[in-house]
Each structure stands twice: as C-alpha cells, then as structure tokens.
Amino acid sequence: MPLRFPGSAIVRDARGVAQVFVVTPGQNRSYGRRVEVGAMIGNEVEIHSGLQGNEQVVVDGQNYVREGSLVKIEGGSR
C-alpha cells in the first residue's frame, strides 16, 4: 500500500525529479530523497517508492530546506 503525504511535501530537483526531505532520527538534519509519486487524493499524494513507513518527512517549509539543514520537528505523527 502506498504511503500518503501532503502534496506540498514534494519538491522537484533541477532535473524535475520528485523528492522529499527526510529527517534523520536524533540529529534533526534533512536530506533529499528521490521518490516515485502516484495519484493525488485530495491534498495528499501517494508515494510508491523511495520511503519507508517510519521515516519523518518535511511537510512545511521544505522550499527553504537544503541538504543537511537543521530542522525543528513540531507535532504530527509522520
């Protein structure tokens, strides 16, 4: 079953490839991860590959995040 995240979590790299920023546990650093996206369902997008179910994904402010950026985790369950 595909994972679902807010569509705003998806960013495109310079070549137009879909990616999300994943937060490393315990370090709160973000790193881009290529993903295969599927259908939009409401405001959410299906992620078919590239993520594990237990990873935290940046869903707000990701356009200001870069590789290795320190991020603050607030609320949420993903």
PDB file of N, CA and C in Angstrom:
ATOM      1  N   MET A   1       0.843  -1.180   0.000  1.00  0.00           N
ATOM      2  CA  MET A   1       0.000   0.000   0.000  1.00  0.00           C
ATOM      3  C   MET A   1       0.892   1.249   0.000  1.00  0.00           C
ATOM      4  N   PRO A   2       0.632   2.195  -0.869  1.00  0.00           N
ATOM      5  CA  PRO A   2       1.468   3.402  -0.914  1.00  0.00           C
ATOM      6  C   PRO A   2       1.271   4.268   0.331  1.00  0.00           C
ATOM      7  N   LEU A   3       2.312   5.002   0.663  1.00  0.00           N
ATOM      8  CA  LEU A   3       2.236   5.980   1.743  1.00  0.00           C
ATOM      9  C   LEU A   3       1.587   7.233   1.196  1.00  0.00           C
ATOM     10  N   ARG A   4       0.997   8.043   2.065  1.00  0.00           N
ATOM     11  CA  ARG A   4       0.406   9.314   1.636  1.00  0.00           C
ATOM     12  C   ARG A   4       0.970  10.450   2.477  1.00  0.00           C
ATOM     13  N   PHE A   5       1.301  11.535   1.800  1.00  0.00           N
ATOM     14  CA  PHE A   5       1.802  12.748   2.437  1.00  0.00           C
ATOM     15  C   PHE A   5       1.141  13.946   1.782  1.00  0.00           C
ATOM     16  N   PRO A   6       1.136  15.091   2.471  1.00  0.00           N
ATOM     17  CA  PRO A   6       0.617  16.297   1.815  1.00  0.00           C
ATOM     18  C   PRO A   6       1.365  16.530   0.498  1.00  0.00           C
ATOM     19  N   GLY A   7       0.631  16.930  -0.525  1.00  0.00           N
ATOM     20  CA  GLY A   7       1.255  17.186  -1.817  1.00  0.00           C
ATOM     21  C   GLY A   7       2.350  18.228  -1.736  1.00  0.00           C
ATOM     22  N   SER A   8       2.249  19.131  -0.761  1.00  0.00           N
ATOM     23  CA  SER A   8       3.266  20.178  -0.601  1.00  0.00           C
ATOM     24  C   SER A   8       4.613  19.628  -0.156  1.00  0.00           C
ATOM     25  N   ALA A   9       4.663  18.373   0.310  1.00  0.00           N
ATOM     26  CA  ALA A   9       5.929  17.772   0.730  1.00  0.00           C
ATOM     27  C   ALA A   9       6.836  17.475  -0.460  1.00  0.00           C
ATOM     28  N   ILE A  10       6.249  17.361  -1.645  1.00  0.00           N
ATOM     29  CA  ILE A  10       7.020  17.028  -2.847  1.00  0.00           C
ATOM     30  C   ILE A  10       7.701  18.274  -3.387  1.00  0.00           C
ATOM     31  N   VAL A  11       9.003  18.158  -3.624  1.00  0.00           N
ATOM     32  CA  VAL A  11       9.754  19.208  -4.298  1.00  0.00           C
ATOM     33  C   VAL A  11      10.432  18.562  -5.505  1.00  0.00           C
ATOM     34  N   ARG A  12      10.794  19.362  -6.446  1.00  0.00           N
ATOM     35  CA  ARG A  12      11.458  18.845  -7.654  1.00  0.00           C
ATOM     36  C   ARG A  12      12.898  19.326  -7.679  1.00  0.00           C
ATOM     37  N   ASP A  13      13.813  18.412  -8.050  1.00  0.00           N
ATOM     38  CA  ASP A  13      15.210  18.825  -8.164  1.00  0.00           C
ATOM     39  C   ASP A  13      15.410  19.546  -9.498  1.00  0.00           C
ATOM     40  N   ALA A  14      16.631  19.922  -9.800  1.00  0.00           N
ATOM     41  CA  ALA A  14      16.930  20.700 -11.007  1.00  0.00           C
ATOM     42  C   ALA A  14      16.521  19.977 -12.291  1.00  0.00           C
ATOM     43  N   ARG A  15      16.441  18.648 -12.254  1.00  0.00           N
ATOM     44  CA  ARG A  15      16.043  17.863 -13.429  1.00  0.00           C
ATOM     45  C   ARG A  15      14.564  17.522 -13.435  1.00  0.00           C
ATOM     46  N   GLY A  16      13.827  18.032 -12.426  1.00  0.00           N
ATOM     47  CA  GLY A  16      12.398  17.778 -12.361  1.00  0.00           C
ATOM     48  C   GLY A  16      12.019  16.483 -11.668  1.00  0.00           C
ATOM     49  N   VAL A  17      12.998  15.824 -11.046  1.00  0.00           N
ATOM     50  CA  VAL A  17      12.729  14.568 -10.349  1.00  0.00           C
ATOM     51  C   VAL A  17      12.081  14.863  -8.991  1.00  0.00           C
ATOM     52  N   ALA A  18      11.024  14.118  -8.662  1.00  0.00           N
ATOM     53  CA  ALA A  18      10.316  14.304  -7.397  1.00  0.00           C
ATOM     54  C   ALA A  18      11.172  13.826  -6.236  1.00  0.00           C
ATOM     55  N   GLN A  19      11.186  14.625  -5.176  1.00  0.00           N
ATOM     56  CA  GLN A  19      11.878  14.224  -3.960  1.00  0.00           C
ATOM     57  C   GLN A  19      11.173  14.823  -2.755  1.00  0.00           C
ATOM     58  N   VAL A  20      11.477  14.270  -1.602  1.00  0.00           N
ATOM     59  CA  VAL A  20      11.029  14.813  -0.328  1.00  0.00           C
ATOM     60  C   VAL A  20      12.270  14.963   0.540  1.00  0.00           C
ATOM     61  N   PHE A  21      12.162  15.761   1.591  1.00  0.00           N
ATOM     62  CA  PHE A  21      13.242  15.861   2.559  1.00  0.00           C
ATOM     63  C   PHE A  21      12.896  14.987   3.753  1.00  0.00           C
ATOM     64  N   VAL A  22      13.794  14.046   4.055  1.00  0.00           N
ATOM     65  CA  VAL A  22      13.641  13.120   5.167  1.00  0.00           C
ATOM     66  C   VAL A  22      14.510  13.626   6.308  1.00  0.00           C
ATOM     67  N   VAL A  23      14.005  13.515   7.534  1.00  0.00           N
ATOM     68  CA  VAL A  23      14.736  13.967   8.718  1.00  0.00           C
ATOM     69  C   VAL A  23      15.421  12.777   9.358  1.00  0.00           C
ATOM     70  N   THR A  24      16.737  12.902   9.611  1.00  0.00           N
ATOM     71  CA  THR A  24      17.474  11.825  10.261  1.00  0.00           C
ATOM     72  C   THR A  24      17.140  11.778  11.740  1.00  0.00           C
ATOM     73  N   PRO A  25      16.826  10.593  12.252  1.00  0.00           N
ATOM     74  CA  PRO A  25      16.466  10.465  13.667  1.00  0.00           C
ATOM     75  C   PRO A  25      17.612  10.890  14.583  1.00  0.00           C
ATOM     76  N   GLY A  26      17.267  11.626  15.621  1.00  0.00           N
ATOM     77  CA  GLY A  26      18.247  12.022  16.624  1.00  0.00           C
ATOM     78  C   GLY A  26      19.139  13.179  16.234  1.00  0.00           C
ATOM     79  N   GLN A  27      19.246  13.473  14.964  1.00  0.00           N
ATOM     80  CA  GLN A  27      20.106  14.566  14.507  1.00  0.00           C
ATOM     81  C   GLN A  27      19.308  15.753  13.993  1.00  0.00           C
ATOM     82  N   ASN A  28      18.060  15.522  13.627  1.00  0.00           N
ATOM     83  CA  ASN A  28      17.177  16.560  13.085  1.00  0.00           C
ATOM     84  C   ASN A  28      17.797  17.297  11.897  1.00  0.00           C
ATOM     85  N   ARG A  29      18.447  16.550  11.046  1.00  0.00           N
ATOM     86  CA  ARG A  29      19.003  17.083   9.795  1.00  0.00           C
ATOM     87  C   ARG A  29      18.185  16.544   8.632  1.00  0.00           C
ATOM     88  N   SER A  30      18.030  17.337   7.596  1.00  0.00           N
ATOM     89  CA  SER A  30      17.214  16.930   6.450  1.00  0.00           C
ATOM     90  C   SER A  30      18.078  16.558   5.252  1.00  0.00           C
ATOM     91  N   TYR A  31      17.623  15.545   4.548  1.00  0.00           N
ATOM     92  CA  TYR A  31      18.318  15.073   3.355  1.00  0.00           C
ATOM     93  C   TYR A  31      17.295  14.720   2.291  1.00  0.00           C
ATOM     94  N   GLY A  32      17.566  15.145   1.066  1.00  0.00           N
ATOM     95  CA  GLY A  32      16.656  14.867  -0.042  1.00  0.00           C
ATOM     96  C   GLY A  32      16.635  13.398  -0.380  1.00  0.00           C
ATOM     97  N   ARG A  33      15.461  12.911  -0.715  1.00  0.00           N
ATOM     98  CA  ARG A  33      15.293  11.512  -1.105  1.00  0.00           C
ATOM     99  C   ARG A  33      14.385  11.472  -2.313  1.00  0.00           C
ATOM    100  N   ARG A  34      14.845  10.845  -3.388  1.00  0.00           N
ATOM    101  CA  ARG A  34      14.010  10.688  -4.580  1.00  0.00           C
ATOM    102  C   ARG A  34      12.870   9.734  -4.277  1.00  0.00           C
ATOM    103  N   VAL A  35      11.709  10.077  -4.784  1.00  0.00           N
ATOM    104  CA  VAL A  35      10.524   9.241  -4.570  1.00  0.00           C
ATOM    105  C   VAL A  35       9.769   9.081  -5.873  1.00  0.00           C
ATOM    106  N   GLU A  36       9.014   8.009  -5.941  1.00  0.00           N
ATOM    107  CA  GLU A  36       8.110   7.794  -7.066  1.00  0.00           C
ATOM    108  C   GLU A  36       6.711   8.154  -6.586  1.00  0.00           C
ATOM    109  N   VAL A  37       6.128   9.165  -7.211  1.00  0.00           N
ATOM    110  CA  VAL A  37       4.808   9.627  -6.783  1.00  0.00           C
ATOM    111  C   VAL A  37       3.716   9.005  -7.642  1.00  0.00           C
ATOM    112  N   GLY A  38       2.552   8.889  -7.019  1.00  0.00           N
ATOM    113  CA  GLY A  38       1.382   8.356  -7.709  1.00  0.00           C
ATOM    114  C   GLY A  38       0.312   9.415  -7.789  1.00  0.00           C
ATOM    115  N   ALA A  39      -0.898   8.990  -7.538  1.00  0.00           N
ATOM    116  CA  ALA A  39      -2.068   9.856  -7.680  1.00  0.00           C
ATOM    117  C   ALA A  39      -2.178  10.863  -6.546  1.00  0.00           C
ATOM    118  N   MET A  40      -2.771  12.007  -6.873  1.00  0.00           N
ATOM    119  CA  MET A  40      -3.182  12.982  -5.857  1.00  0.00           C
ATOM    120  C   MET A  40      -4.564  12.571  -5.397  1.00  0.00           C
ATOM    121  N   ILE A  41      -4.740  12.503  -4.089  1.00  0.00           N
ATOM    122  CA  ILE A  41      -6.040  12.177  -3.500  1.00  0.00           C
ATOM    123  C   ILE A  41      -6.355  13.291  -2.527  1.00  0.00           C
ATOM    124  N   GLY A  42      -7.228  14.194  -2.936  1.00  0.00           N
ATOM    125  CA  GLY A  42      -7.472  15.393  -2.150  1.00  0.00           C
ATOM    126  C   GLY A  42      -6.206  16.235  -2.137  1.00  0.00           C
ATOM    127  N   ASN A  43      -5.704  16.544  -0.956  1.00  0.00           N
ATOM    128  CA  ASN A  43      -4.468  17.325  -0.819  1.00  0.00           C
ATOM    129  C   ASN A  43      -3.246  16.451  -0.606  1.00  0.00           C
ATOM    130  N   GLU A  44      -3.430  15.133  -0.673  1.00  0.00           N
ATOM    131  CA  GLU A  44      -2.331  14.217  -0.428  1.00  0.00           C
ATOM    132  C   GLU A  44      -1.878  13.555  -1.715  1.00  0.00           C
ATOM    133  N   VAL A  45      -0.601  13.160  -1.722  1.00  0.00           N
ATOM    134  CA  VAL A  45      -0.034  12.455  -2.861  1.00  0.00           C
ATOM    135  C   VAL A  45       0.428  11.083  -2.389  1.00  0.00           C
ATOM    136  N   GLU A  46       0.231  10.087  -3.243  1.00  0.00           N
ATOM    137  CA  GLU A  46       0.717   8.747  -2.945  1.00  0.00           C
ATOM    138  C   GLU A  46       2.205   8.666  -3.251  1.00  0.00           C
ATOM    139  N   ILE A  47       2.951   8.018  -2.361  1.00  0.00           N
ATOM    140  CA  ILE A  47       4.372   7.742  -2.575  1.00  0.00           C
ATOM    141  C   ILE A  47       4.497   6.236  -2.766  1.00  0.00           C
ATOM    142  N   HIS A  48       4.908   5.805  -3.961  1.00  0.00           N
ATOM    143  CA  HIS A  48       5.000   4.379  -4.276  1.00  0.00           C
ATOM    144  C   HIS A  48       6.348   3.780  -3.913  1.00  0.00           C
ATOM    145  N   SER A  49       7.406   4.561  -3.957  1.00  0.00           N
ATOM    146  CA  SER A  49       8.714   4.029  -3.580  1.00  0.00           C
ATOM    147  C   SER A  49       9.643   5.172  -3.177  1.00  0.00           C
ATOM    148  N   GLY A  50      10.684   4.803  -2.447  1.00  0.00           N
ATOM    149  CA  GLY A  50      11.679   5.777  -2.015  1.00  0.00           C
ATOM    150  C   GLY A  50      11.629   6.078  -0.533  1.00  0.00           C
ATOM    151  N   LEU A  51      10.550   5.662   0.140  1.00  0.00           N
ATOM    152  CA  LEU A  51      10.408   5.907   1.577  1.00  0.00           C
ATOM    153  C   LEU A  51      10.012   4.634   2.303  1.00  0.00           C
ATOM    154  N   GLN A  52      10.391   4.589   3.574  1.00  0.00           N
ATOM    155  CA  GLN A  52       9.927   3.539   4.478  1.00  0.00           C
ATOM    156  C   GLN A  52       8.816   4.156   5.321  1.00  0.00           C
ATOM    157  N   GLY A  53       7.953   3.363   5.860  1.00  0.00           N
ATOM    158  CA  GLY A  53       6.815   3.862   6.606  1.00  0.00           C
ATOM    159  C   GLY A  53       7.140   4.601   7.886  1.00  0.00           C
ATOM    160  N   ASN A  54       8.329   4.407   8.444  1.00  0.00           N
ATOM    161  CA  ASN A  54       8.670   5.021   9.727  1.00  0.00           C
ATOM    162  C   ASN A  54       9.524   6.285   9.603  1.00  0.00           C
ATOM    163  N   GLU A  55       9.748   6.794   8.415  1.00  0.00           N
ATOM    164  CA  GLU A  55      10.597   7.969   8.230  1.00  0.00           C
ATOM    165  C   GLU A  55       9.796   9.258   8.380  1.00  0.00           C
ATOM    166  N   GLN A  56      10.446  10.279   8.945  1.00  0.00           N
ATOM    167  CA  GLN A  56       9.810  11.586   9.073  1.00  0.00           C
ATOM    168  C   GLN A  56      10.140  12.420   7.843  1.00  0.00           C
ATOM    169  N   VAL A  57       9.115  13.059   7.305  1.00  0.00           N
ATOM    170  CA  VAL A  57       9.238  13.849   6.088  1.00  0.00           C
ATOM    171  C   VAL A  57       8.889  15.296   6.395  1.00  0.00           C
ATOM    172  N   VAL A  58       9.672  16.215   5.840  1.00  0.00           N
ATOM    173  CA  VAL A  58       9.390  17.644   5.993  1.00  0.00           C
ATOM    174  C   VAL A  58       8.163  17.960   5.148  1.00  0.00           C
ATOM    175  N   VAL A  59       7.117  18.494   5.786  1.00  0.00           N
ATOM    176  CA  VAL A  59       5.878  18.794   5.071  1.00  0.00           C
ATOM    177  C   VAL A  59       5.544  20.276   5.072  1.00  0.00           C
ATOM    178  N   ASP A  60       6.380  21.090   5.713  1.00  0.00           N
ATOM    179  CA  ASP A  60       6.146  22.532   5.739  1.00  0.00           C
ATOM    180  C   ASP A  60       7.488  23.240   5.705  1.00  0.00           C
ATOM    181  N   GLY A  61       7.629  24.217   4.828  1.00  0.00           N
ATOM    182  CA  GLY A  61       8.874  24.976   4.733  1.00  0.00           C
ATOM    183  C   GLY A  61       9.966  24.280   3.955  1.00  0.00           C
ATOM    184  N   GLN A  62       9.631  23.182   3.255  1.00  0.00           N
ATOM    185  CA  GLN A  62      10.652  22.409   2.551  1.00  0.00           C
ATOM    186  C   GLN A  62      11.324  23.176   1.423  1.00  0.00           C
ATOM    187  N   ASN A  63      10.717  24.232   0.944  1.00  0.00           N
ATOM    188  CA  ASN A  63      11.361  25.032  -0.105  1.00  0.00           C
ATOM    189  C   ASN A  63      12.529  25.844   0.433  1.00  0.00           C
ATOM    190  N   TYR A  64      12.663  25.917   1.754  1.00  0.00           N
ATOM    191  CA  TYR A  64      13.768  26.638   2.387  1.00  0.00           C
ATOM    192  C   TYR A  64      14.821  25.694   2.943  1.00  0.00           C
ATOM    193  N   VAL A  65      14.583  24.395   2.814  1.00  0.00           N
ATOM    194  CA  VAL A  65      15.481  23.378   3.368  1.00  0.00           C
ATOM    195  C   VAL A  65      16.496  22.967   2.320  1.00  0.00           C
ATOM    196  N   ARG A  66      17.708  22.711   2.767  1.00  0.00           N
ATOM    197  CA  ARG A  66      18.778  22.219   1.894  1.00  0.00           C
ATOM    198  C   ARG A  66      19.358  20.953   2.512  1.00  0.00           C
ATOM    199  N   GLU A  67      20.192  20.263   1.775  1.00  0.00           N
ATOM    200  CA  GLU A  67      20.867  19.070   2.285  1.00  0.00           C
ATOM    201  C   GLU A  67      21.570  19.385   3.600  1.00  0.00           C
ATOM    202  N   GLY A  68      21.278  18.602   4.625  1.00  0.00           N
ATOM    203  CA  GLY A  68      21.941  18.755   5.913  1.00  0.00           C
ATOM    204  C   GLY A  68      21.401  19.872   6.793  1.00  0.00           C
ATOM    205  N   SER A  69      20.329  20.553   6.351  1.00  0.00           N
ATOM    206  CA  SER A  69      19.758  21.628   7.164  1.00  0.00           C
ATOM    207  C   SER A  69      19.257  21.082   8.486  1.00  0.00           C
ATOM    208  N   LEU A  70      19.449  21.866   9.539  1.00  0.00           N
ATOM    209  CA  LEU A  70      18.879  21.544  10.836  1.00  0.00           C
ATOM    210  C   LEU A  70      17.403  21.912  10.793  1.00  0.00           C
ATOM    211  N   VAL A  71      16.544  21.001  11.208  1.00  0.00           N
ATOM    212  CA  VAL A  71      15.114  21.250  11.181  1.00  0.00           C
ATOM    213  C   VAL A  71      14.527  21.077  12.572  1.00  0.00           C
ATOM    214  N   LYS A  72      13.432  21.767  12.812  1.00  0.00           N
ATOM    215  CA  LYS A  72      12.715  21.662  14.075  1.00  0.00           C
ATOM    216  C   LYS A  72      11.466  20.830  13.833  1.00  0.00           C
ATOM    217  N   ILE A  73      11.292  19.787  14.622  1.00  0.00           N
ATOM    218  CA  ILE A  73      10.142  18.911  14.471  1.00  0.00           C
ATOM    219  C   ILE A  73       9.033  19.413  15.393  1.00  0.00           C
ATOM    220  N   GLU A  74       7.859  19.643  14.802  1.00  0.00           N
ATOM    221  CA  GLU A  74       6.709  20.116  15.545  1.00  0.00           C
ATOM    222  C   GLU A  74       5.518  19.225  15.278  1.00  0.00           C
ATOM    223  N   GLY A  75       4.937  18.671  16.310  1.00  0.00           N
ATOM    224  CA  GLY A  75       3.707  17.905  16.192  1.00  0.00           C
ATOM    225  C   GLY A  75       3.736  16.865  15.100  1.00  0.00           C
ATOM    226  N   GLY A  76       2.563  16.435  14.721  1.00  0.00           N
ATOM    227  CA  GLY A  76       2.439  15.476  13.629  1.00  0.00           C
ATOM    228  C   GLY A  76       2.778  14.065  14.053  1.00  0.00           C
ATOM    229  N   SER A  77       2.383  13.125  13.209  1.00  0.00           N
ATOM    230  CA  SER A  77       2.615  11.726  13.516  1.00  0.00           C
ATOM    231  C   SER A  77       3.428  11.029  12.448  1.00  0.00           C
ATOM    232  N   ARG A  78       3.924  11.766  11.474  1.00  0.00           N
ATOM    233  CA  ARG A  78       4.671  11.122  10.389  1.00  0.00           C
ATOM    234  C   ARG A  78       6.095  11.440  10.562  1.00  0.00           C
TER     235      ARG A  78
END
